[in-house]
C-alpha atoms as a PDB file:
ATOM      1  CA  MET A   1       0.890  14.625   7.698  1.00  0.00           C
ATOM      2  CA  MET A   2       0.366  11.212   8.965  1.00  0.00           C
ATOM      3  CA  VAL A   3      -2.661  10.954  11.153  1.00  0.00           C
ATOM      4  CA  ARG A   4      -2.239   9.072  14.467  1.00  0.00           C
ATOM      5  CA  THR A   5      -5.189   7.969  16.542  1.00  0.00           C
ATOM      6  CA  ILE A   6      -5.264   6.859  20.219  1.00  0.00           C
ATOM      7  CA  SER A   7      -7.956   4.192  19.503  1.00  0.00           C
ATOM      8  CA  VAL A   8      -6.970   0.569  19.282  1.00  0.00           C
ATOM      9  CA  VAL A   9      -7.634  -2.128  16.620  1.00  0.00           C
ATOM     10  CA  THR A  10      -7.242  -5.860  16.873  1.00  0.00           C
ATOM     11  CA  LEU A  11      -5.309  -7.923  14.398  1.00  0.00           C
ATOM     12  CA  ALA A  12      -8.459  -9.876  13.658  1.00  0.00           C
ATOM     13  CA  ALA A  13     -10.481  -6.734  12.607  1.00  0.00           C
ATOM     14  CA  VAL A  14      -9.591  -6.701   8.828  1.00  0.00           C
ATOM     15  CA  VAL A  15     -11.946  -4.625   6.640  1.00  0.00           C
ATOM     16  CA  GLY A  16     -11.618  -4.761   2.931  1.00  0.00           C
ATOM     17  CA  VAL A  17     -13.178  -4.892  -0.432  1.00  0.00           C
ATOM     18  CA  GLY A  18     -14.684  -8.285  -1.023  1.00  0.00           C
ATOM     19  CA  VAL A  19     -14.940  -9.388   2.708  1.00  0.00           C
ATOM     20  CA  ALA A  20     -18.389 -10.820   3.240  1.00  0.00           C
ATOM     21  CA  ALA A  21     -20.580  -8.837   5.625  1.00  0.00           C
ATOM     22  CA  ALA A  22     -21.910 -10.511   8.818  1.00  0.00           C
ATOM     23  CA  PRO A  23     -25.458 -12.096   8.536  1.00  0.00           C
ATOM     24  CA  SER A  24     -28.254  -9.730   9.390  1.00  0.00           C
ATOM     25  CA  GLY A  25     -30.468 -12.145  11.136  1.00  0.00           C
ATOM     26  CA  VAL A  26     -29.987 -13.112  14.766  1.00  0.00           C
ATOM     27  CA  GLU A  27     -30.502 -16.998  14.324  1.00  0.00           C
ATOM     28  CA  GLY A  28     -27.422 -18.990  15.318  1.00  0.00           C
ATOM     29  CA  ARG A  29     -25.554 -15.738  16.164  1.00  0.00           C
ATOM     30  CA  GLN A  30     -22.924 -16.298  18.818  1.00  0.00           C
ATOM     31  CA  PRO A  31     -22.607 -13.845  21.623  1.00  0.00           C
ATOM     32  CA  PRO A  32     -19.963 -11.361  21.504  1.00  0.00           C
ATOM     33  CA  PRO A  33     -16.644 -12.547  23.212  1.00  0.00           C
ATOM     34  CA  THR A  34     -15.870 -11.338  26.658  1.00  0.00           C
ATOM     35  CA  ALA A  35     -12.916  -9.179  27.377  1.00  0.00           C
ATOM     36  CA  SER A  36     -10.778 -12.223  28.308  1.00  0.00           C
ATOM     37  CA  GLN A  37     -11.601 -14.052  25.043  1.00  0.00           C
ATOM     38  CA  GLN A  38     -10.640 -10.955  22.721  1.00  0.00           C
ATOM     39  CA  GLN A  39      -7.304 -10.761  20.887  1.00  0.00           C
ATOM     40  CA  PRO A  40      -4.651  -8.683  22.330  1.00  0.00           C
ATOM     41  CA  ALA A  41      -4.982  -5.167  21.120  1.00  0.00           C
ATOM     42  CA  VAL A  42      -2.254  -3.456  18.993  1.00  0.00           C
ATOM     43  CA  PRO A  43      -2.107   0.290  18.982  1.00  0.00           C
ATOM     44  CA  SER A  44      -2.639   1.885  15.595  1.00  0.00           C
ATOM     45  CA  ALA A  45      -0.382   4.685  16.222  1.00  0.00           C
ATOM     46  CA  ALA A  46       0.835   7.313  18.613  1.00  0.00           C
ATOM     47  CA  PRO A  47      -1.008  10.602  19.087  1.00  0.00           C
ATOM     48  CA  THR A  48      -0.962  13.104  16.301  1.00  0.00           C
ATOM     49  CA  VAL A  49       2.254  15.013  15.961  1.00  0.00           C
ATOM     50  CA  GLN A  50       1.552  18.824  15.733  1.00  0.00           C
ATOM     51  CA  ALA A  51       3.565  21.377  13.840  1.00  0.00           C
ATOM     52  CA  GLY A  52       6.600  22.279  15.918  1.00  0.00           C
ATOM     53  CA  ASP A  53       6.551  19.160  17.853  1.00  0.00           C
ATOM     54  CA  THR A  54      10.104  17.818  18.473  1.00  0.00           C
ATOM     55  CA  ARG A  55       9.326  14.191  18.523  1.00  0.00           C
ATOM     56  CA  PRO A  56      12.074  12.233  16.541  1.00  0.00           C
ATOM     57  CA  VAL A  57      11.467  10.378  13.389  1.00  0.00           C
ATOM     58  CA  HIS A  58      10.733   6.790  14.174  1.00  0.00           C
ATOM     59  CA  ILE A  59      12.333   4.581  11.581  1.00  0.00           C
ATOM     60  CA  TYR A  60      12.237   0.879  11.178  1.00  0.00           C
ATOM     61  CA  ILE A  61      14.882  -0.779   9.044  1.00  0.00           C
ATOM     62  CA  ARG A  62      13.875  -4.012   7.342  1.00  0.00           C
ATOM     63  CA  ALA A  63      17.181  -5.622   6.128  1.00  0.00           C
ATOM     64  CA  GLY A  64      18.019  -9.102   4.803  1.00  0.00           C
ATOM     65  CA  LEU A  65      20.720 -11.732   4.838  1.00  0.00           C
ATOM     66  CA  LYS A  66      23.665 -11.119   2.730  1.00  0.00           C
ATOM     67  CA  SER A  67      23.077 -12.602  -0.666  1.00  0.00           C
ATOM     68  CA  HIS A  68      26.127 -11.757  -2.856  1.00  0.00           C
ATOM     69  CA  GLY A  69      29.855 -11.565  -2.747  1.00  0.00           C
ATOM     70  CA  GLU A  70      32.128  -9.077  -0.997  1.00  0.00           C
ATOM     71  CA  GLY A  71      30.962  -5.448  -1.242  1.00  0.00           C
ATOM     72  CA  ALA A  72      27.587  -6.327  -2.816  1.00  0.00           C
ATOM     73  CA  HIS A  73      24.229  -6.554  -1.185  1.00  0.00           C
ATOM     74  CA  ASP A  74      25.542  -6.115   2.197  1.00  0.00           C
ATOM     75  CA  TYR A  75      22.116  -5.798   3.948  1.00  0.00           C
ATOM     76  CA  PRO A  76      23.423  -6.689   7.424  1.00  0.00           C
ATOM     77  CA  GLN A  77      26.145  -3.954   7.291  1.00  0.00           C
ATOM     78  CA  PHE A  78      23.431  -1.531   6.140  1.00  0.00           C
ATOM     79  CA  LEU A  79      21.341  -2.253   9.165  1.00  0.00           C
ATOM     80  CA  ALA A  80      24.253  -1.683  11.391  1.00  0.00           C
ATOM     81  CA  ASP A  81      25.695   1.411   9.633  1.00  0.00           C
ATOM     82  CA  TRP A  82      22.414   3.237   9.137  1.00  0.00           C
ATOM     83  CA  SER A  83      21.018   2.320  12.635  1.00  0.00           C
ATOM     84  CA  LYS A  84      23.958   4.334  13.927  1.00  0.00           C
ATOM     85  CA  LEU A  85      23.866   7.080  11.351  1.00  0.00           C
ATOM     86  CA  LEU A  86      20.085   7.762  11.797  1.00  0.00           C
ATOM     87  CA  THR A  87      20.530   7.606  15.647  1.00  0.00           C
ATOM     88  CA  ASP A  88      23.191  10.192  15.392  1.00  0.00           C
ATOM     89  CA  LYS A  89      20.963  12.221  13.303  1.00  0.00           C
ATOM     90  CA  GLY A  90      18.362  12.315  16.016  1.00  0.00           C
ATOM     91  CA  ALA A  91      16.023   9.438  14.833  1.00  0.00           C
ATOM     92  CA  LEU A  92      14.538   6.664  16.974  1.00  0.00           C
ATOM     93  CA  VAL A  93      15.575   3.502  15.103  1.00  0.00           C
ATOM     94  CA  ASP A  94      14.424  -0.129  15.175  1.00  0.00           C
ATOM     95  CA  GLY A  95      15.077  -3.018  12.780  1.00  0.00           C
ATOM     96  CA  SER A  96      15.267  -6.598  11.962  1.00  0.00           C
ATOM     97  CA  PHE A  97      15.729  -9.346   9.374  1.00  0.00           C
ATOM     98  CA  HIS A  98      12.179 -10.397   9.411  1.00  0.00           C
ATOM     99  CA  PHE A  99       8.871  -8.759   8.114  1.00  0.00           C
ATOM    100  CA  PRO A 100       7.799  -6.510  10.865  1.00  0.00           C
ATOM    101  CA  THR A 101       4.732  -7.253  13.023  1.00  0.00           C
ATOM    102  CA  ALA A 102       1.812  -4.745  13.392  1.00  0.00           C
ATOM    103  CA  GLN A 103       3.125  -4.070  16.832  1.00  0.00           C
ATOM    104  CA  GLU A 104       6.565  -3.123  15.535  1.00  0.00           C
ATOM    105  CA  LEU A 105       5.079  -0.765  13.067  1.00  0.00           C
ATOM    106  CA  ALA A 106       2.530   0.689  15.472  1.00  0.00           C
ATOM    107  CA  THR A 107       4.489   3.842  16.056  1.00  0.00           C
ATOM    108  CA  THR A 108       6.842   3.750  13.058  1.00  0.00           C
ATOM    109  CA  ASP A 109       6.877   6.831  10.720  1.00  0.00           C
ATOM    110  CA  VAL A 110       9.153   5.351   7.896  1.00  0.00           C
ATOM    111  CA  MET A 111      10.105   1.816   7.013  1.00  0.00           C
ATOM    112  CA  VAL A 112      13.477   1.612   5.133  1.00  0.00           C
ATOM    113  CA  MET A 113      13.707  -1.504   3.187  1.00  0.00           C
ATOM    114  CA  TYR A 114      17.042  -2.926   1.950  1.00  0.00           C
ATOM    115  CA  LYS A 115      16.348  -6.662   1.367  1.00  0.00           C
ATOM    116  CA  GLY A 116      16.256  -8.690  -1.727  1.00  0.00           C
ATOM    117  CA  ASP A 117      12.765  -9.707  -3.038  1.00  0.00           C
ATOM    118  CA  ALA A 118      10.752  -7.843  -0.445  1.00  0.00           C
ATOM    119  CA  GLY A 119       7.784  -8.171  -2.841  1.00  0.00           C
ATOM    120  CA  TYR A 120       7.318 -11.733  -1.640  1.00  0.00           C
ATOM    121  CA  MET A 121       4.597 -11.158   1.176  1.00  0.00           C
ATOM    122  CA  THR A 122       2.050 -13.590   2.631  1.00  0.00           C
ATOM    123  CA  ALA A 123      -1.677 -12.437   2.838  1.00  0.00           C
ATOM    124  CA  SER A 124      -1.178 -11.654   6.498  1.00  0.00           C
ATOM    125  CA  GLU A 125       1.952  -9.589   5.781  1.00  0.00           C
ATOM    126  CA  LYS A 126       0.209  -7.674   3.008  1.00  0.00           C
ATOM    127  CA  GLN A 127      -2.534  -6.769   5.496  1.00  0.00           C
ATOM    128  CA  VAL A 128       0.056  -5.463   8.053  1.00  0.00           C
ATOM    129  CA  MET A 129       1.594  -3.470   5.256  1.00  0.00           C
ATOM    130  CA  GLU A 130      -1.647  -2.059   4.012  1.00  0.00           C
ATOM    131  CA  ASP A 131      -2.760  -1.206   7.429  1.00  0.00           C
ATOM    132  CA  TYR A 132       0.414   0.632   8.089  1.00  0.00           C
ATOM    133  CA  LEU A 133       0.160   2.608   4.768  1.00  0.00           C
ATOM    134  CA  LYS A 134      -3.446   3.445   5.422  1.00  0.00           C
ATOM    135  CA  ARG A 135      -2.420   5.593   8.479  1.00  0.00           C
ATOM    136  CA  GLY A 136       0.084   7.213   6.240  1.00  0.00           C
ATOM    137  CA  GLY A 137       3.335   5.270   7.040  1.00  0.00           C
ATOM    138  CA  GLY A 138       6.205   6.046   4.656  1.00  0.00           C
ATOM    139  CA  LEU A 139       8.406   3.595   2.618  1.00  0.00           C
ATOM    140  CA  ILE A 140      11.977   3.678   1.361  1.00  0.00           C
ATOM    141  CA  SER A 141      12.925   1.091  -1.170  1.00  0.00           C
ATOM    142  CA  VAL A 142      16.553   0.458  -2.159  1.00  0.00           C
ATOM    143  CA  HIS A 143      17.847  -1.700  -5.006  1.00  0.00           C
ATOM    144  CA  ASP A 144      16.315  -5.144  -5.343  1.00  0.00           C
ATOM    145  CA  THR A 145      13.962  -4.563  -2.511  1.00  0.00           C
ATOM    146  CA  LEU A 146      11.231  -3.938  -5.229  1.00  0.00           C
ATOM    147  CA  CYS A 147      11.682  -7.523  -6.646  1.00  0.00           C
ATOM    148  CA  GLY A 148       8.929 -10.167  -6.076  1.00  0.00           C
ATOM    149  CA  ASP A 149       6.406 -12.589  -7.495  1.00  0.00           C
ATOM    150  CA  ASP A 150       3.667 -10.116  -8.085  1.00  0.00           C
ATOM    151  CA  PRO A 151       5.071  -6.780  -9.554  1.00  0.00           C
ATOM    152  CA  GLN A 152       1.538  -5.545 -10.403  1.00  0.00           C
ATOM    153  CA  TYR A 153       0.659  -5.406  -6.614  1.00  0.00           C
ATOM    154  CA  TYR A 154       3.843  -4.254  -5.413  1.00  0.00           C
ATOM    155  CA  SER A 155       3.971  -1.300  -7.803  1.00  0.00           C
ATOM    156  CA  SER A 156       0.875  -0.138  -6.111  1.00  0.00           C
ATOM    157  CA  ILE A 157       3.012   0.281  -2.952  1.00  0.00           C
ATOM    158  CA  VAL A 158       6.148   1.723  -4.213  1.00  0.00           C
ATOM    159  CA  GLY A 159       5.238   2.899  -7.773  1.00  0.00           C
ATOM    160  CA  GLY A 160       7.356   0.428  -9.795  1.00  0.00           C
ATOM    161  CA  SER A 161       8.407  -3.236  -9.375  1.00  0.00           C
ATOM    162  CA  LYS A 162      10.199  -6.110 -11.077  1.00  0.00           C
ATOM    163  CA  LEU A 163       9.464  -9.603 -11.544  1.00  0.00           C
ATOM    164  CA  HIS A 164      11.927 -11.959  -9.585  1.00  0.00           C
ATOM    165  CA  GLY A 165      13.675 -14.462 -11.786  1.00  0.00           C
ATOM    166  CA  GLU A 166      13.478 -12.495 -15.012  1.00  0.00           C
ATOM    167  CA  ARG A 167      16.910 -11.498 -16.255  1.00  0.00           C
ATOM    168  CA  ASN A 168      16.591  -7.797 -15.722  1.00  0.00           C
ATOM    169  CA  PHE A 169      19.810  -5.909 -14.828  1.00  0.00           C
ATOM    170  CA  SER A 170      22.476  -3.956 -16.441  1.00  0.00           C
ATOM    171  CA  SER A 171      25.865  -3.316 -14.599  1.00  0.00           C
ATOM    172  CA  GLY A 172      28.415  -0.679 -14.989  1.00  0.00           C
ATOM    173  CA  ALA A 173      28.528   3.197 -14.943  1.00  0.00           C
ATOM    174  CA  ILE A 174      25.110   4.704 -13.794  1.00  0.00           C
ATOM    175  CA  LYS A 175      25.063   8.163 -15.344  1.00  0.00           C
ATOM    176  CA  TYR A 176      22.301  10.107 -13.524  1.00  0.00           C
ATOM    177  CA  THR A 177      20.380  12.921 -15.038  1.00  0.00           C
ATOM    178  CA  VAL A 178      18.381  14.887 -12.443  1.00  0.00           C
ATOM    179  CA  VAL A 179      15.060  15.553 -14.127  1.00  0.00           C
ATOM    180  CA  ASP A 180      13.279  17.142 -11.094  1.00  0.00           C
ATOM    181  CA  LYS A 181      15.761  19.818  -9.850  1.00  0.00           C
ATOM    182  CA  ALA A 182      12.845  21.326  -7.919  1.00  0.00           C
ATOM    183  CA  SER A 183      12.235  18.247  -5.712  1.00  0.00           C
ATOM    184  CA  PRO A 184      13.448  19.047  -2.053  1.00  0.00           C
ATOM    185  CA  ILE A 185      14.827  15.479  -1.926  1.00  0.00           C
ATOM    186  CA  MET A 186      17.250  16.370  -4.687  1.00  0.00           C
ATOM    187  CA  LYS A 187      18.408  19.573  -3.084  1.00  0.00           C
ATOM    188  CA  GLY A 188      21.972  20.395  -4.211  1.00  0.00           C
ATOM    189  CA  ILE A 189      22.380  17.244  -6.378  1.00  0.00           C
ATOM    190  CA  THR A 190      23.858  17.658  -9.855  1.00  0.00           C
ATOM    191  CA  ASP A 191      24.114  14.930 -12.504  1.00  0.00           C
ATOM    192  CA  PHE A 192      26.713  12.439 -11.378  1.00  0.00           C
ATOM    193  CA  GLU A 193      28.009   8.883 -11.986  1.00  0.00           C
ATOM    194  CA  ILE A 194      28.462   5.709  -9.972  1.00  0.00           C
ATOM    195  CA  ASN A 195      29.476   2.208 -10.805  1.00  0.00           C
ATOM    196  CA  ASP A 196      26.427  -0.110  -9.716  1.00  0.00           C
ATOM    197  CA  GLU A 197      23.539  -1.979 -11.162  1.00  0.00           C
ATOM    198  CA  ALA A 198      20.228  -0.967 -12.725  1.00  0.00           C
ATOM    199  CA  PHE A 199      17.007  -2.683 -13.695  1.00  0.00           C
ATOM    200  CA  PHE A 200      15.146  -1.880 -16.815  1.00  0.00           C
ATOM    201  CA  LYS A 201      12.062  -4.069 -16.994  1.00  0.00           C
ATOM    202  CA  ILE A 202       9.652  -2.363 -14.574  1.00  0.00           C
ATOM    203  CA  THR A 203       5.933  -2.716 -14.025  1.00  0.00           C
ATOM    204  CA  TRP A 204       4.846   0.835 -13.402  1.00  0.00           C
ATOM    205  CA  ALA A 205       1.786   1.987 -11.355  1.00  0.00           C
ATOM    206  CA  LYS A 206      -0.764   3.789 -13.499  1.00  0.00           C
ATOM    207  CA  SER A 207      -3.066   5.510 -11.153  1.00  0.00           C
ATOM    208  CA  PRO A 208      -1.390   7.479  -9.777  1.00  0.00           C
ATOM    209  CA  GLU A 209       1.906   7.511 -11.532  1.00  0.00           C
ATOM    210  CA  VAL A 210       5.306   7.854 -10.176  1.00  0.00           C
ATOM    211  CA  LYS A 211       7.158  11.266 -10.100  1.00  0.00           C
ATOM    212  CA  VAL A 212      10.532  10.703 -11.561  1.00  0.00           C
ATOM    213  CA  LEU A 213      13.500  12.437  -9.879  1.00  0.00           C
ATOM    214  CA  ALA A 214      16.325  10.987 -11.928  1.00  0.00           C
ATOM    215  CA  THR A 215      16.913   8.769 -14.934  1.00  0.00           C
ATOM    216  CA  ALA A 216      20.002   6.861 -16.385  1.00  0.00           C
ATOM    217  CA  PRO A 217      20.707   5.145 -19.567  1.00  0.00           C
ATOM    218  CA  MET A 218      21.422   1.464 -19.173  1.00  0.00           C
ATOM    219  CA  PRO A 219      25.162   0.565 -19.363  1.00  0.00           C
ATOM    220  CA  ALA A 220      24.332  -2.239 -21.756  1.00  0.00           C
ATOM    221  CA  GLY A 221      21.994  -0.947 -24.484  1.00  0.00           C
ATOM    222  CA  GLY A 222      21.593   2.814 -23.642  1.00  0.00           C
ATOM    223  CA  GLU A 223      17.775   2.676 -22.797  1.00  0.00           C
ATOM    224  CA  VAL A 224      16.901   5.559 -20.394  1.00  0.00           C
ATOM    225  CA  VAL A 225      14.953   4.359 -17.385  1.00  0.00           C
ATOM    226  CA  PRO A 226      13.861   6.117 -14.138  1.00  0.00           C
ATOM    227  CA  GLN A 227      16.290   5.244 -11.294  1.00  0.00           C
ATOM    228  CA  MET A 228      14.935   7.455  -8.530  1.00  0.00           C
ATOM    229  CA  TRP A 229      11.324   8.372  -7.986  1.00  0.00           C
ATOM    230  CA  THR A 230       8.528   9.230  -5.527  1.00  0.00           C
ATOM    231  CA  TYR A 231       5.123   7.760  -5.281  1.00  0.00           C
ATOM    232  CA  GLU A 232       2.210   9.039  -3.348  1.00  0.00           C
ATOM    233  CA  ARG A 233      -1.233   7.278  -2.962  1.00  0.00           C
ATOM    234  CA  THR A 234      -4.184   6.934  -0.705  1.00  0.00           C
ATOM    235  CA  ILE A 235      -5.597   3.606  -0.054  1.00  0.00           C
ATOM    236  CA  PHE A 236      -9.445   3.775   0.259  1.00  0.00           C
ATOM    237  CA  GLY A 237     -10.467   4.682   3.861  1.00  0.00           C
ATOM    238  CA  GLY A 238      -6.988   5.752   4.826  1.00  0.00           C
ATOM    239  CA  GLN A 239      -4.458   8.629   4.835  1.00  0.00           C
ATOM    240  CA  PRO A 240      -2.108   9.533   2.057  1.00  0.00           C
ATOM    241  CA  PHE A 241       1.199   7.594   2.198  1.00  0.00           C
ATOM    242  CA  ARG A 242       4.636   8.307   0.511  1.00  0.00           C
ATOM    243  CA  SER A 243       7.198   6.029  -1.035  1.00  0.00           C
ATOM    244  CA  PHE A 244      10.692   6.709  -2.353  1.00  0.00           C
ATOM    245  CA  VAL A 245      12.669   4.381  -4.634  1.00  0.00           C
ATOM    246  CA  TRP A 246      16.467   4.425  -5.335  1.00  0.00           C
ATOM    247  CA  MET A 247      17.107   1.646  -7.867  1.00  0.00           C
ATOM    248  CA  GLN A 248      20.884   1.324  -7.001  1.00  0.00           C
ATOM    249  CA  GLY A 249      22.701   0.013  -3.873  1.00  0.00           C
ATOM    250  CA  HIS A 250      24.227  -3.188  -5.440  1.00  0.00           C
ATOM    251  CA  THR A 251      27.658  -1.778  -4.615  1.00  0.00           C
ATOM    252  CA  TYR A 252      27.713  -1.122  -0.890  1.00  0.00           C
ATOM    253  CA  THR A 253      30.329   1.606  -0.868  1.00  0.00           C
ATOM    254  CA  ASN A 254      27.864   3.876  -2.876  1.00  0.00           C
ATOM    255  CA  PHE A 255      25.889   4.476   0.324  1.00  0.00           C
ATOM    256  CA  LYS A 256      28.881   6.567   1.416  1.00  0.00           C
ATOM    257  CA  ASN A 257      28.609   8.873  -1.552  1.00  0.00           C
ATOM    258  CA  PRO A 258      27.782  12.238  -0.112  1.00  0.00           C
ATOM    259  CA  GLN A 259      25.009  12.975  -2.730  1.00  0.00           C
ATOM    260  CA  ILE A 260      23.490   9.530  -2.089  1.00  0.00           C
ATOM    261  CA  GLU A 261      23.628   9.701   1.637  1.00  0.00           C
ATOM    262  CA  GLY A 262      22.025  13.244   1.793  1.00  0.00           C
ATOM    263  CA  MET A 263      19.447  12.152  -0.732  1.00  0.00           C
ATOM    264  CA  LEU A 264      18.424   9.179   1.322  1.00  0.00           C
ATOM    265  CA  LEU A 265      18.289  11.271   4.504  1.00  0.00           C
ATOM    266  CA  ARG A 266      15.948  13.791   2.855  1.00  0.00           C
ATOM    267  CA  ALA A 267      13.897  10.966   1.320  1.00  0.00           C
ATOM    268  CA  ILE A 268      13.391   9.293   4.718  1.00  0.00           C
ATOM    269  CA  ALA A 269      12.153  12.531   6.268  1.00  0.00           C
ATOM    270  CA  TRP A 270       9.931  13.417   3.285  1.00  0.00           C
ATOM    271  CA  ALA A 271       8.363   9.847   3.405  1.00  0.00           C
ATOM    272  CA  GLY A 272       7.514  10.370   7.058  1.00  0.00           C
ATOM    273  CA  HIS A 273       5.920  13.730   6.419  1.00  0.00           C
ATOM    274  CA  TYR A 274       8.619  15.601   8.192  1.00  0.00           C
ATOM    275  CA  PRO A 275      10.611  18.680   6.915  1.00  0.00           C
ATOM    276  CA  VAL A 276      13.091  17.157   4.480  1.00  0.00           C
ATOM    277  CA  GLU A 277      16.191  18.614   6.277  1.00  0.00           C
ATOM    278  CA  THR A 278      15.210  17.031   9.517  1.00  0.00           C
ATOM    279  CA  LEU A 279      17.832  14.182   9.388  1.00  0.00           C
ATOM    280  CA  VAL A 280      20.403  16.101   7.338  1.00  0.00           C
ATOM    281  CA  ASN A 281      20.556  18.762  10.023  1.00  0.00           C
ATOM    282  CA  GLY A 282      19.633  16.578  12.961  1.00  0.00           C
ATOM    283  CA  SER A 283      21.766  15.438  15.911  1.00  0.00           C
ATOM    284  CA  ALA A 284      21.214  13.036  18.854  1.00  0.00           C
ATOM    285  CA  PRO A 285      20.311  14.683  22.107  1.00  0.00           C
ATOM    286  CA  ALA A 286      23.042  14.740  24.721  1.00  0.00           C
ATOM    287  CA  ARG A 287      23.056  11.728  27.175  1.00  0.00           C
ATOM    288  CA  GLY A 288      22.262  12.686  30.740  1.00  0.00           C
ATOM    289  CA  GLY A 289      24.211  11.815  33.784  1.00  0.00           C
ATOM    290  CA  GLY A 290      27.628  12.764  32.532  1.00  0.00           C
ATOM    291  CA  ARG A 291      30.157  14.575  34.676  1.00  0.00           C
ATOM    292  CA  GLY A 292      29.445  18.343  34.758  1.00  0.00           C
ATOM    293  CA  ARG A 293      25.931  17.977  33.634  1.00  0.00           C
ATOM    294  CA  ARG A 294      23.353  16.724  36.059  1.00  0.00           C
ATOM    295  CA  GLY A 295      23.321  18.877  39.132  1.00  0.00           C
ATOM    296  CA  SER A 296      26.605  20.595  38.328  1.00  0.00           C
ATOM    297  CA  GLY A 297      25.030  24.061  38.206  1.00  0.00           C
ATOM    298  CA  SER A 298      27.402  24.825  35.349  1.00  0.00           C
ATOM    299  CA  GLY A 299      24.610  26.539  33.446  1.00  0.00           C
ATOM    300  CA  GLU A 300      25.343  24.575  30.247  1.00  0.00           C
ATOM    301  CA  GLU A 301      22.397  24.119  28.050  1.00  0.00           C
ATOM    302  CA  ALA A 302      21.656  20.664  26.407  1.00  0.00           C
ATOM    303  CA  PRO A 303      21.616  20.620  22.627  1.00  0.00           C
ATOM    304  CA  ALA A 304      18.290  21.342  21.087  1.00  0.00           C
ATOM    305  CA  ALA A 305      15.987  18.324  20.192  1.00  0.00           C
ATOM    306  CA  PRO A 306      15.935  17.241  16.572  1.00  0.00           C
ATOM    307  CA  ALA A 307      13.572  19.243  14.464  1.00  0.00           C
ATOM    308  CA  GLY A 308      10.134  17.894  14.408  1.00  0.00           C
ATOM    309  CA  ARG A 309       7.353  17.893  11.725  1.00  0.00           C
ATOM    310  CA  GLY A 310       6.379  20.853   9.727  1.00  0.00           C
ATOM    311  CA  ARG A 311       3.519  21.001   7.373  1.00  0.00           C
ATOM    312  CA  GLY A 312       3.383  18.177   4.941  1.00  0.00           C
ATOM    313  CA  GLY A 313       7.005  17.366   5.061  1.00  0.00           C
ATOM    314  CA  GLU A 314       7.874  20.301   2.924  1.00  0.00           C
END
């Protein structure tokens, strides 16, 4: 379960391996800043969610500008469609076309990323990401989100990454073989086929390694490569975080595939340390103020709030 604290941290307070310690002597030391001189504080997270709590999953969708032709890489449409879908499932949803700020991620449980080349990050963006992951924030990576300039680094976040600019895709029939039928994310999913695009030259994390959920032979060449996987890791000094990767999503209509939609809903809940069926079975709470509701004395009961976290997102 994601650990949440009520203490605050400042954006300037970055602690990491290789950062020089402050001098031990007092000569030349500046007095500590006054309250008015300090940087604005950013909350690290909301209070800890206990088992049985009905707080909704807080999801941040990081999308990108459309980069391909009709029906492909439709990141803006995904932001619109899945904001509505997830809200209808009882989630609290934010999103944008930019890298989120620390403030935007302060109470986020899961960041869903559908944006080309999200592996490109500045040093400050990497720090925001690592701070988010250190408190147990979850990640969902779809299609070419895992591309970037430093696949070795990005694989340490999502388990596998590809180098941008290297010809590394195979288009056609993606014939999935579910290799981990016991995974709750793959509940009810049988081997199936979609028309899409796959990557095959992947830089894989080594310690720890990914847990492969499904593989597929490349349409051109036949090499069998993982296409769905989970990745769990703990950054030193932090809490365990979870990532899920679905390599497809080139063809936008595939998001409507019932097996894909259900898989993504379960993966989002899992990555946020919620019970995996939270969003699959969730629904938005009724809006107040309608006729026959407030003060009507009709005796109608409002629908139950969406299911909260269980233990470890199992």
